[in-house]
Amino acid sequence: MTHPVALDPTAEPGDLLPLVAAVGNAKIVALGVSCRTSRELSLFSQRVLRVLVTRSGFRTLALEGDDATSARLDDYVRTGIGDPRALLAGARPFWRTEEILDTIRWVRAHNEEHPDDPVRIAHPPRPGSGALERQLADDVIAWRERTGHKIVYWGGLAHTAVASGTAGGYLRERYGSDFASIGLTFHHGNVLFPVPAPPPDFAEAAFDPVLDAFYLVPPPHSDARKTRFIGPLPDAEQHLSDGSLRQWFDVVFHVRETTPVHLFP
């Protein structure tokens, strides 16, 4: 079913309740964005995080991609000591955005109101040593075992999709229905560089005539066997293939046109 959705992270949560129901009793929910520099995908991810924290008892945010900064951000959201903008300024480029900063500040504000039940920022308890996808999954598993927390894992769609050899695939193998994967896609727009409409054999192409921002529970059946993910450079477009939206994700969010995130000056 298609559900229109607001993108303002401060919006009332009613339009997300079917998504919360679809996630059910999952202990780990992955938010897999098809491009990390899409503002709309970042705003929706923050909305989902807020609702899962306040409605479903999630207590960890795992931000994929920068373990050292994660540890410092965890200190900040627990204690309030430090400057989150300065911390993010030393992180990987796709974290140096106003949207991520707003998310961290919201976590800190939540913790100030709930000092005895804080939300944490995950950081691996040991150095990574495995292949990337296995290590990403193992880091989430280790944090879950260490804290017992329900985890929102915010990362790239290529890693979080449930497929052979991906972190999402390993997490589904480990947790079954206790792991839920949400795929976040867009049709066209600007992500610090222009991105045209997808080719007709991509799943996103079928979404062109419908609502500006919506999610589908469950993802639609589709003959398309591709969905794209876009890296930091204009020529870095790649895609998942040999699967379907319904195989890769439990929920799909889609926005027709995207705009770029706000990078730090």
C-alpha atoms as a PDB file:
ATOM      1  CA  MET A   1       0.000   0.000   0.000  1.00  0.00           C
ATOM      2  CA  THR A   2       1.199   3.524  -0.808  1.00  0.00           C
ATOM      3  CA  HIS A   3       1.451   5.986   2.087  1.00  0.00           C
ATOM      4  CA  PRO A   4       2.072   9.704   1.436  1.00  0.00           C
ATOM      5  CA  VAL A   5       4.514  11.099   3.970  1.00  0.00           C
ATOM      6  CA  ALA A   6       5.782  14.421   5.301  1.00  0.00           C
ATOM      7  CA  LEU A   7       9.519  15.031   5.260  1.00  0.00           C
ATOM      8  CA  ASP A   8       9.740  17.529   8.123  1.00  0.00           C
ATOM      9  CA  PRO A   9      11.427  15.613  10.985  1.00  0.00           C
ATOM     10  CA  THR A  10       9.302  17.559  13.506  1.00  0.00           C
ATOM     11  CA  ALA A  11       5.992  16.480  11.897  1.00  0.00           C
ATOM     12  CA  GLU A  12       3.504  14.483  13.939  1.00  0.00           C
ATOM     13  CA  PRO A  13       4.160  10.750  13.534  1.00  0.00           C
ATOM     14  CA  GLY A  14       0.743   9.602  12.378  1.00  0.00           C
ATOM     15  CA  ASP A  15       1.724   9.101   8.733  1.00  0.00           C
ATOM     16  CA  LEU A  16       4.571   6.791   9.806  1.00  0.00           C
ATOM     17  CA  LEU A  17       2.528   4.439  11.963  1.00  0.00           C
ATOM     18  CA  PRO A  18       1.967   1.900   9.136  1.00  0.00           C
ATOM     19  CA  LEU A  19       5.746   1.802   8.711  1.00  0.00           C
ATOM     20  CA  VAL A  20       6.183   1.209  12.444  1.00  0.00           C
ATOM     21  CA  ALA A  21       3.648  -1.617  12.200  1.00  0.00           C
ATOM     22  CA  ALA A  22       5.507  -3.117   9.236  1.00  0.00           C
ATOM     23  CA  VAL A  23       8.766  -3.087  11.184  1.00  0.00           C
ATOM     24  CA  GLY A  24       6.920  -4.918  13.934  1.00  0.00           C
ATOM     25  CA  ASN A  25       9.138  -6.368  16.638  1.00  0.00           C
ATOM     26  CA  ALA A  26      12.395  -6.009  14.703  1.00  0.00           C
ATOM     27  CA  LYS A  27      15.439  -5.378  16.863  1.00  0.00           C
ATOM     28  CA  ILE A  28      17.512  -3.845  14.054  1.00  0.00           C
ATOM     29  CA  VAL A  29      16.085  -1.556  11.379  1.00  0.00           C
ATOM     30  CA  ALA A  30      18.320  -0.509   8.485  1.00  0.00           C
ATOM     31  CA  LEU A  31      17.761   2.749   6.613  1.00  0.00           C
ATOM     32  CA  GLY A  32      19.549   2.245   3.304  1.00  0.00           C
ATOM     33  CA  VAL A  33      19.811   5.421   1.239  1.00  0.00           C
ATOM     34  CA  SER A  34      20.466   5.231  -2.482  1.00  0.00           C
ATOM     35  CA  CYS A  35      22.526   8.434  -2.195  1.00  0.00           C
ATOM     36  CA  ARG A  36      24.023   9.885   0.990  1.00  0.00           C
ATOM     37  CA  THR A  37      23.888  13.456  -0.323  1.00  0.00           C
ATOM     38  CA  SER A  38      20.129  13.554  -0.918  1.00  0.00           C
ATOM     39  CA  ARG A  39      18.463  15.969   1.504  1.00  0.00           C
ATOM     40  CA  GLU A  40      15.050  14.319   1.248  1.00  0.00           C
ATOM     41  CA  LEU A  41      16.403  10.852   2.006  1.00  0.00           C
ATOM     42  CA  SER A  42      18.274  12.284   5.005  1.00  0.00           C
ATOM     43  CA  LEU A  43      15.163  14.044   6.323  1.00  0.00           C
ATOM     44  CA  PHE A  44      13.065  10.908   6.024  1.00  0.00           C
ATOM     45  CA  SER A  45      15.759   8.872   7.779  1.00  0.00           C
ATOM     46  CA  GLN A  46      15.714  11.312  10.677  1.00  0.00           C
ATOM     47  CA  ARG A  47      11.913  11.112  10.857  1.00  0.00           C
ATOM     48  CA  VAL A  48      12.047   7.319  11.046  1.00  0.00           C
ATOM     49  CA  LEU A  49      14.743   7.454  13.724  1.00  0.00           C
ATOM     50  CA  ARG A  50      12.657   9.809  15.863  1.00  0.00           C
ATOM     51  CA  VAL A  51       9.566   7.642  15.609  1.00  0.00           C
ATOM     52  CA  LEU A  52      11.415   4.404  16.343  1.00  0.00           C
ATOM     53  CA  VAL A  53      13.057   5.984  19.389  1.00  0.00           C
ATOM     54  CA  THR A  54       9.900   7.525  20.797  1.00  0.00           C
ATOM     55  CA  ARG A  55       7.372   4.841  19.780  1.00  0.00           C
ATOM     56  CA  SER A  56       9.287   1.565  19.582  1.00  0.00           C
ATOM     57  CA  GLY A  57      12.061   1.773  22.178  1.00  0.00           C
ATOM     58  CA  PHE A  58      15.083   1.944  19.881  1.00  0.00           C
ATOM     59  CA  ARG A  59      18.120   3.165  21.808  1.00  0.00           C
ATOM     60  CA  THR A  60      21.056   3.149  19.395  1.00  0.00           C
ATOM     61  CA  LEU A  61      21.796   4.937  16.140  1.00  0.00           C
ATOM     62  CA  ALA A  62      24.512   3.266  14.069  1.00  0.00           C
ATOM     63  CA  LEU A  63      25.865   5.730  11.515  1.00  0.00           C
ATOM     64  CA  GLU A  64      27.749   3.771   8.894  1.00  0.00           C
ATOM     65  CA  GLY A  65      31.188   4.868   7.878  1.00  0.00           C
ATOM     66  CA  ASP A  66      33.341   6.536  10.562  1.00  0.00           C
ATOM     67  CA  ASP A  67      34.088   4.603  13.743  1.00  0.00           C
ATOM     68  CA  ALA A  68      36.357   7.165  15.428  1.00  0.00           C
ATOM     69  CA  THR A  69      33.847   9.976  15.024  1.00  0.00           C
ATOM     70  CA  SER A  70      31.040   7.686  16.221  1.00  0.00           C
ATOM     71  CA  ALA A  71      32.808   7.153  19.534  1.00  0.00           C
ATOM     72  CA  ARG A  72      33.190  10.901  20.067  1.00  0.00           C
ATOM     73  CA  LEU A  73      29.581  11.547  19.077  1.00  0.00           C
ATOM     74  CA  ASP A  74      28.467   8.914  21.570  1.00  0.00           C
ATOM     75  CA  ASP A  75      30.294  10.809  24.310  1.00  0.00           C
ATOM     76  CA  TYR A  76      28.582  14.017  23.213  1.00  0.00           C
ATOM     77  CA  VAL A  77      25.010  12.671  23.116  1.00  0.00           C
ATOM     78  CA  ARG A  78      25.475  11.093  26.558  1.00  0.00           C
ATOM     79  CA  THR A  79      27.214  13.994  28.312  1.00  0.00           C
ATOM     80  CA  GLY A  80      26.637  17.142  26.243  1.00  0.00           C
ATOM     81  CA  ILE A  81      30.365  17.862  26.396  1.00  0.00           C
ATOM     82  CA  GLY A  82      31.871  19.059  23.131  1.00  0.00           C
ATOM     83  CA  ASP A  83      30.761  20.686  19.901  1.00  0.00           C
ATOM     84  CA  PRO A  84      28.933  18.296  17.557  1.00  0.00           C
ATOM     85  CA  ARG A  85      29.634  20.487  14.524  1.00  0.00           C
ATOM     86  CA  ALA A  86      33.358  20.340  15.242  1.00  0.00           C
ATOM     87  CA  LEU A  87      33.169  16.580  15.727  1.00  0.00           C
ATOM     88  CA  LEU A  88      31.363  16.081  12.422  1.00  0.00           C
ATOM     89  CA  ALA A  89      33.750  18.461  10.652  1.00  0.00           C
ATOM     90  CA  GLY A  90      36.451  15.839  11.143  1.00  0.00           C
ATOM     91  CA  ALA A  91      34.283  12.985   9.881  1.00  0.00           C
ATOM     92  CA  ARG A  92      33.937  11.520   6.422  1.00  0.00           C
ATOM     93  CA  PRO A  93      32.556  14.014   3.867  1.00  0.00           C
ATOM     94  CA  PHE A  94      29.024  12.596   3.700  1.00  0.00           C
ATOM     95  CA  TRP A  95      28.614  13.155   7.458  1.00  0.00           C
ATOM     96  CA  ARG A  96      29.560  16.826   7.271  1.00  0.00           C
ATOM     97  CA  THR A  97      25.999  17.977   6.675  1.00  0.00           C
ATOM     98  CA  GLU A  98      23.456  20.085   8.499  1.00  0.00           C
ATOM     99  CA  GLU A  99      21.021  17.158   8.285  1.00  0.00           C
ATOM    100  CA  ILE A 100      23.317  14.813  10.215  1.00  0.00           C
ATOM    101  CA  LEU A 101      24.076  17.614  12.688  1.00  0.00           C
ATOM    102  CA  ASP A 102      20.345  18.133  13.286  1.00  0.00           C
ATOM    103  CA  THR A 103      20.006  14.409  13.949  1.00  0.00           C
ATOM    104  CA  ILE A 104      22.817  14.398  16.515  1.00  0.00           C
ATOM    105  CA  ARG A 105      21.378  17.467  18.234  1.00  0.00           C
ATOM    106  CA  TRP A 106      17.973  15.799  18.406  1.00  0.00           C
ATOM    107  CA  VAL A 107      19.511  12.713  20.026  1.00  0.00           C
ATOM    108  CA  ARG A 108      21.232  14.933  22.595  1.00  0.00           C
ATOM    109  CA  ALA A 109      17.992  16.802  23.332  1.00  0.00           C
ATOM    110  CA  HIS A 110      16.167  13.503  23.777  1.00  0.00           C
ATOM    111  CA  ASN A 111      18.837  12.320  26.201  1.00  0.00           C
ATOM    112  CA  GLU A 112      18.569  15.508  28.235  1.00  0.00           C
ATOM    113  CA  GLU A 113      14.878  14.734  28.711  1.00  0.00           C
ATOM    114  CA  HIS A 114      15.544  11.036  29.442  1.00  0.00           C
ATOM    115  CA  PRO A 115      18.891  10.911  31.274  1.00  0.00           C
ATOM    116  CA  ASP A 116      18.187   7.446  32.676  1.00  0.00           C
ATOM    117  CA  ASP A 117      17.349   5.933  29.287  1.00  0.00           C
ATOM    118  CA  PRO A 118      19.686   7.523  26.729  1.00  0.00           C
ATOM    119  CA  VAL A 119      20.043   6.904  23.024  1.00  0.00           C
ATOM    120  CA  ARG A 120      23.591   5.907  22.085  1.00  0.00           C
ATOM    121  CA  ILE A 121      25.690   6.254  18.941  1.00  0.00           C
ATOM    122  CA  ALA A 122      27.155   2.856  18.104  1.00  0.00           C
ATOM    123  CA  HIS A 123      30.896   2.416  17.753  1.00  0.00           C
ATOM    124  CA  PRO A 124      32.620  -0.933  17.289  1.00  0.00           C
ATOM    125  CA  PRO A 125      34.115  -2.380  20.465  1.00  0.00           C
ATOM    126  CA  ARG A 126      37.088  -3.826  18.591  1.00  0.00           C
ATOM    127  CA  PRO A 127      39.184  -3.078  15.491  1.00  0.00           C
ATOM    128  CA  GLY A 128      37.737  -4.303  12.232  1.00  0.00           C
ATOM    129  CA  SER A 129      39.518  -7.191  10.575  1.00  0.00           C
ATOM    130  CA  GLY A 130      37.122  -8.786   8.134  1.00  0.00           C
ATOM    131  CA  ALA A 131      35.840  -8.092   4.637  1.00  0.00           C
ATOM    132  CA  LEU A 132      33.763  -4.918   4.505  1.00  0.00           C
ATOM    133  CA  GLU A 133      30.221  -6.302   4.358  1.00  0.00           C
ATOM    134  CA  ARG A 134      30.865  -8.957   6.984  1.00  0.00           C
ATOM    135  CA  GLN A 135      32.576  -6.390   9.209  1.00  0.00           C
ATOM    136  CA  LEU A 136      29.670  -3.945   8.930  1.00  0.00           C
ATOM    137  CA  ALA A 137      27.279  -6.685  10.017  1.00  0.00           C
ATOM    138  CA  ASP A 138      29.589  -7.928  12.765  1.00  0.00           C
ATOM    139  CA  ASP A 139      29.897  -4.411  14.191  1.00  0.00           C
ATOM    140  CA  VAL A 140      26.111  -4.144  14.505  1.00  0.00           C
ATOM    141  CA  ILE A 141      25.873  -7.627  15.994  1.00  0.00           C
ATOM    142  CA  ALA A 142      28.618  -6.880  18.528  1.00  0.00           C
ATOM    143  CA  TRP A 143      26.919  -3.653  19.627  1.00  0.00           C
ATOM    144  CA  ARG A 144      23.594  -5.428  19.973  1.00  0.00           C
ATOM    145  CA  GLU A 145      25.211  -8.133  22.113  1.00  0.00           C
ATOM    146  CA  ARG A 146      27.086  -5.559  24.184  1.00  0.00           C
ATOM    147  CA  THR A 147      24.126  -3.258  24.911  1.00  0.00           C
ATOM    148  CA  GLY A 148      20.949  -5.236  24.244  1.00  0.00           C
ATOM    149  CA  HIS A 149      19.692  -2.166  22.383  1.00  0.00           C
ATOM    150  CA  LYS A 150      17.312  -2.013  19.468  1.00  0.00           C
ATOM    151  CA  ILE A 151      19.346  -0.377  16.699  1.00  0.00           C
ATOM    152  CA  VAL A 152      18.605   1.982  13.810  1.00  0.00           C
ATOM    153  CA  TYR A 153      21.376   1.398  11.256  1.00  0.00           C
ATOM    154  CA  TRP A 154      21.651   4.354   8.842  1.00  0.00           C
ATOM    155  CA  GLY A 155      23.846   3.526   5.871  1.00  0.00           C
ATOM    156  CA  GLY A 156      24.087   3.012   2.148  1.00  0.00           C
ATOM    157  CA  LEU A 157      21.501   0.999   0.244  1.00  0.00           C
ATOM    158  CA  ALA A 158      24.187  -1.184  -1.343  1.00  0.00           C
ATOM    159  CA  HIS A 159      25.163  -2.391   2.159  1.00  0.00           C
ATOM    160  CA  THR A 160      21.754  -2.658   3.839  1.00  0.00           C
ATOM    161  CA  ALA A 161      19.784  -4.440   1.105  1.00  0.00           C
ATOM    162  CA  VAL A 162      19.028  -8.076   1.875  1.00  0.00           C
ATOM    163  CA  ALA A 163      21.154  -9.852  -0.713  1.00  0.00           C
ATOM    164  CA  SER A 164      23.906 -12.412  -0.817  1.00  0.00           C
ATOM    165  CA  GLY A 165      27.169 -11.002   0.511  1.00  0.00           C
ATOM    166  CA  THR A 166      25.802  -7.700   1.839  1.00  0.00           C
ATOM    167  CA  ALA A 167      25.692  -6.550   5.448  1.00  0.00           C
ATOM    168  CA  GLY A 168      21.907  -6.651   5.175  1.00  0.00           C
ATOM    169  CA  GLY A 169      22.089 -10.228   3.942  1.00  0.00           C
ATOM    170  CA  TYR A 170      24.284 -11.249   6.871  1.00  0.00           C
ATOM    171  CA  LEU A 171      22.002  -9.479   9.354  1.00  0.00           C
ATOM    172  CA  ARG A 172      18.942 -11.235   7.919  1.00  0.00           C
ATOM    173  CA  GLU A 173      20.737 -14.570   8.209  1.00  0.00           C
ATOM    174  CA  ARG A 174      21.542 -13.822  11.845  1.00  0.00           C
ATOM    175  CA  TYR A 175      18.282 -12.229  12.994  1.00  0.00           C
ATOM    176  CA  GLY A 176      15.577 -13.322  10.567  1.00  0.00           C
ATOM    177  CA  SER A 177      12.462 -11.177  11.029  1.00  0.00           C
ATOM    178  CA  ASP A 178      14.204  -9.334  13.862  1.00  0.00           C
ATOM    179  CA  PHE A 179      16.038  -7.450  11.092  1.00  0.00           C
ATOM    180  CA  ALA A 180      14.076  -5.073   8.840  1.00  0.00           C
ATOM    181  CA  SER A 181      15.475  -3.283   5.803  1.00  0.00           C
ATOM    182  CA  ILE A 182      14.046  -0.002   4.492  1.00  0.00           C
ATOM    183  CA  GLY A 183      15.247   1.139   1.066  1.00  0.00           C
ATOM    184  CA  LEU A 184      15.223   4.877   0.269  1.00  0.00           C
ATOM    185  CA  THR A 185      15.216   5.817  -3.416  1.00  0.00           C
ATOM    186  CA  PHE A 186      14.530   8.783  -5.692  1.00  0.00           C
ATOM    187  CA  HIS A 187      13.680   9.354  -9.340  1.00  0.00           C
ATOM    188  CA  HIS A 188      15.806  12.355 -10.337  1.00  0.00           C
ATOM    189  CA  GLY A 189      17.194  15.617  -9.052  1.00  0.00           C
ATOM    190  CA  ASN A 190      20.370  17.093  -7.637  1.00  0.00           C
ATOM    191  CA  VAL A 191      22.670  15.454  -5.059  1.00  0.00           C
ATOM    192  CA  LEU A 192      25.483  18.028  -5.348  1.00  0.00           C
ATOM    193  CA  PHE A 193      25.471  17.113  -9.039  1.00  0.00           C
ATOM    194  CA  PRO A 194      22.513  16.471 -11.363  1.00  0.00           C
ATOM    195  CA  VAL A 195      21.069  12.975 -11.597  1.00  0.00           C
ATOM    196  CA  PRO A 196      18.729  12.236 -14.515  1.00  0.00           C
ATOM    197  CA  ALA A 197      15.684  10.011 -14.496  1.00  0.00           C
ATOM    198  CA  PRO A 198      16.537   6.316 -14.221  1.00  0.00           C
ATOM    199  CA  PRO A 199      16.510   4.064 -17.283  1.00  0.00           C
ATOM    200  CA  PRO A 200      13.172   2.296 -17.854  1.00  0.00           C
ATOM    201  CA  ASP A 201      14.479  -1.079 -16.679  1.00  0.00           C
ATOM    202  CA  PHE A 202      15.153   0.278 -13.159  1.00  0.00           C
ATOM    203  CA  ALA A 203      12.525  -0.131 -10.441  1.00  0.00           C
ATOM    204  CA  GLU A 204      12.535   3.601  -9.672  1.00  0.00           C
ATOM    205  CA  ALA A 205      11.314   4.394 -13.197  1.00  0.00           C
ATOM    206  CA  ALA A 206       7.886   2.960 -12.377  1.00  0.00           C
ATOM    207  CA  PHE A 207       7.432   5.483  -9.551  1.00  0.00           C
ATOM    208  CA  ASP A 208       7.618   8.569 -11.797  1.00  0.00           C
ATOM    209  CA  PRO A 209       3.877   9.300 -12.138  1.00  0.00           C
ATOM    210  CA  VAL A 210       2.962   8.845  -8.471  1.00  0.00           C
ATOM    211  CA  LEU A 211       3.196  10.964  -5.338  1.00  0.00           C
ATOM    212  CA  ASP A 212       6.114  13.255  -4.545  1.00  0.00           C
ATOM    213  CA  ALA A 213       7.094  11.497  -1.287  1.00  0.00           C
ATOM    214  CA  PHE A 214       5.678   8.187  -0.123  1.00  0.00           C
ATOM    215  CA  TYR A 215       6.530   4.752   1.143  1.00  0.00           C
ATOM    216  CA  LEU A 216       5.207   1.332   0.272  1.00  0.00           C
ATOM    217  CA  VAL A 217       4.513  -1.519   2.675  1.00  0.00           C
ATOM    218  CA  PRO A 218       5.400  -4.061   1.423  1.00  0.00           C
ATOM    219  CA  PRO A 219       7.500  -3.055  -1.588  1.00  0.00           C
ATOM    220  CA  PRO A 220       5.729  -3.608  -4.909  1.00  0.00           C
ATOM    221  CA  HIS A 221       6.158  -6.606  -7.147  1.00  0.00           C
ATOM    222  CA  SER A 222       8.116  -5.477 -10.185  1.00  0.00           C
ATOM    223  CA  ASP A 223       9.639  -6.987 -13.288  1.00  0.00           C
ATOM    224  CA  ALA A 224      12.581  -4.591 -12.898  1.00  0.00           C
ATOM    225  CA  ARG A 225      15.671  -6.347 -11.552  1.00  0.00           C
ATOM    226  CA  LYS A 226      17.759  -3.250 -10.862  1.00  0.00           C
ATOM    227  CA  THR A 227      17.832  -0.358  -8.431  1.00  0.00           C
ATOM    228  CA  ARG A 228      20.551   2.256  -8.361  1.00  0.00           C
ATOM    229  CA  PHE A 229      22.862   3.603  -5.715  1.00  0.00           C
ATOM    230  CA  ILE A 230      24.887   6.723  -6.341  1.00  0.00           C
ATOM    231  CA  GLY A 231      28.301   7.491  -4.947  1.00  0.00           C
ATOM    232  CA  PRO A 232      30.040  10.796  -4.274  1.00  0.00           C
ATOM    233  CA  LEU A 233      31.039  11.523  -7.887  1.00  0.00           C
ATOM    234  CA  PRO A 234      28.875  12.130 -10.965  1.00  0.00           C
ATOM    235  CA  ASP A 235      30.379   9.139 -12.770  1.00  0.00           C
ATOM    236  CA  ALA A 236      30.068   6.787  -9.805  1.00  0.00           C
ATOM    237  CA  GLU A 237      26.525   5.511 -10.460  1.00  0.00           C
ATOM    238  CA  GLN A 238      26.116   1.805  -9.800  1.00  0.00           C
ATOM    239  CA  HIS A 239      23.192  -0.471  -9.131  1.00  0.00           C
ATOM    240  CA  LEU A 240      21.946  -3.580  -7.442  1.00  0.00           C
ATOM    241  CA  SER A 241      20.829  -6.225  -9.885  1.00  0.00           C
ATOM    242  CA  ASP A 242      19.459  -9.756 -10.110  1.00  0.00           C
ATOM    243  CA  GLY A 243      16.861  -9.151  -7.426  1.00  0.00           C
ATOM    244  CA  SER A 244      13.756  -7.103  -6.744  1.00  0.00           C
ATOM    245  CA  LEU A 245      12.586  -4.421  -4.365  1.00  0.00           C
ATOM    246  CA  ARG A 246      10.556  -7.004  -2.469  1.00  0.00           C
ATOM    247  CA  GLN A 247      13.573  -9.275  -2.061  1.00  0.00           C
ATOM    248  CA  TRP A 248      15.908  -6.507  -0.972  1.00  0.00           C
ATOM    249  CA  PHE A 249      13.629  -4.472   1.332  1.00  0.00           C
ATOM    250  CA  ASP A 250      10.698  -4.793   3.720  1.00  0.00           C
ATOM    251  CA  VAL A 251       9.650  -1.183   3.087  1.00  0.00           C
ATOM    252  CA  VAL A 252      10.558   1.219   0.267  1.00  0.00           C
ATOM    253  CA  PHE A 253      10.516   5.016   0.578  1.00  0.00           C
ATOM    254  CA  HIS A 254      10.625   7.050  -2.628  1.00  0.00           C
ATOM    255  CA  VAL A 255      10.751  10.728  -3.483  1.00  0.00           C
ATOM    256  CA  ARG A 256      10.273  11.901  -7.050  1.00  0.00           C
ATOM    257  CA  GLU A 257      12.754  14.787  -7.042  1.00  0.00           C
ATOM    258  CA  THR A 258      15.625  15.284  -4.644  1.00  0.00           C
ATOM    259  CA  THR A 259      17.754  18.255  -3.657  1.00  0.00           C
ATOM    260  CA  PRO A 260      21.260  18.247  -2.170  1.00  0.00           C
ATOM    261  CA  VAL A 261      22.120  18.072   1.509  1.00  0.00           C
ATOM    262  CA  HIS A 262      23.484  21.217   3.146  1.00  0.00           C
ATOM    263  CA  LEU A 263      27.220  20.748   3.513  1.00  0.00           C
ATOM    264  CA  PHE A 264      29.170  22.508   6.240  1.00  0.00           C
ATOM    265  CA  PRO A 265      30.758  25.732   4.953  1.00  0.00           C
END
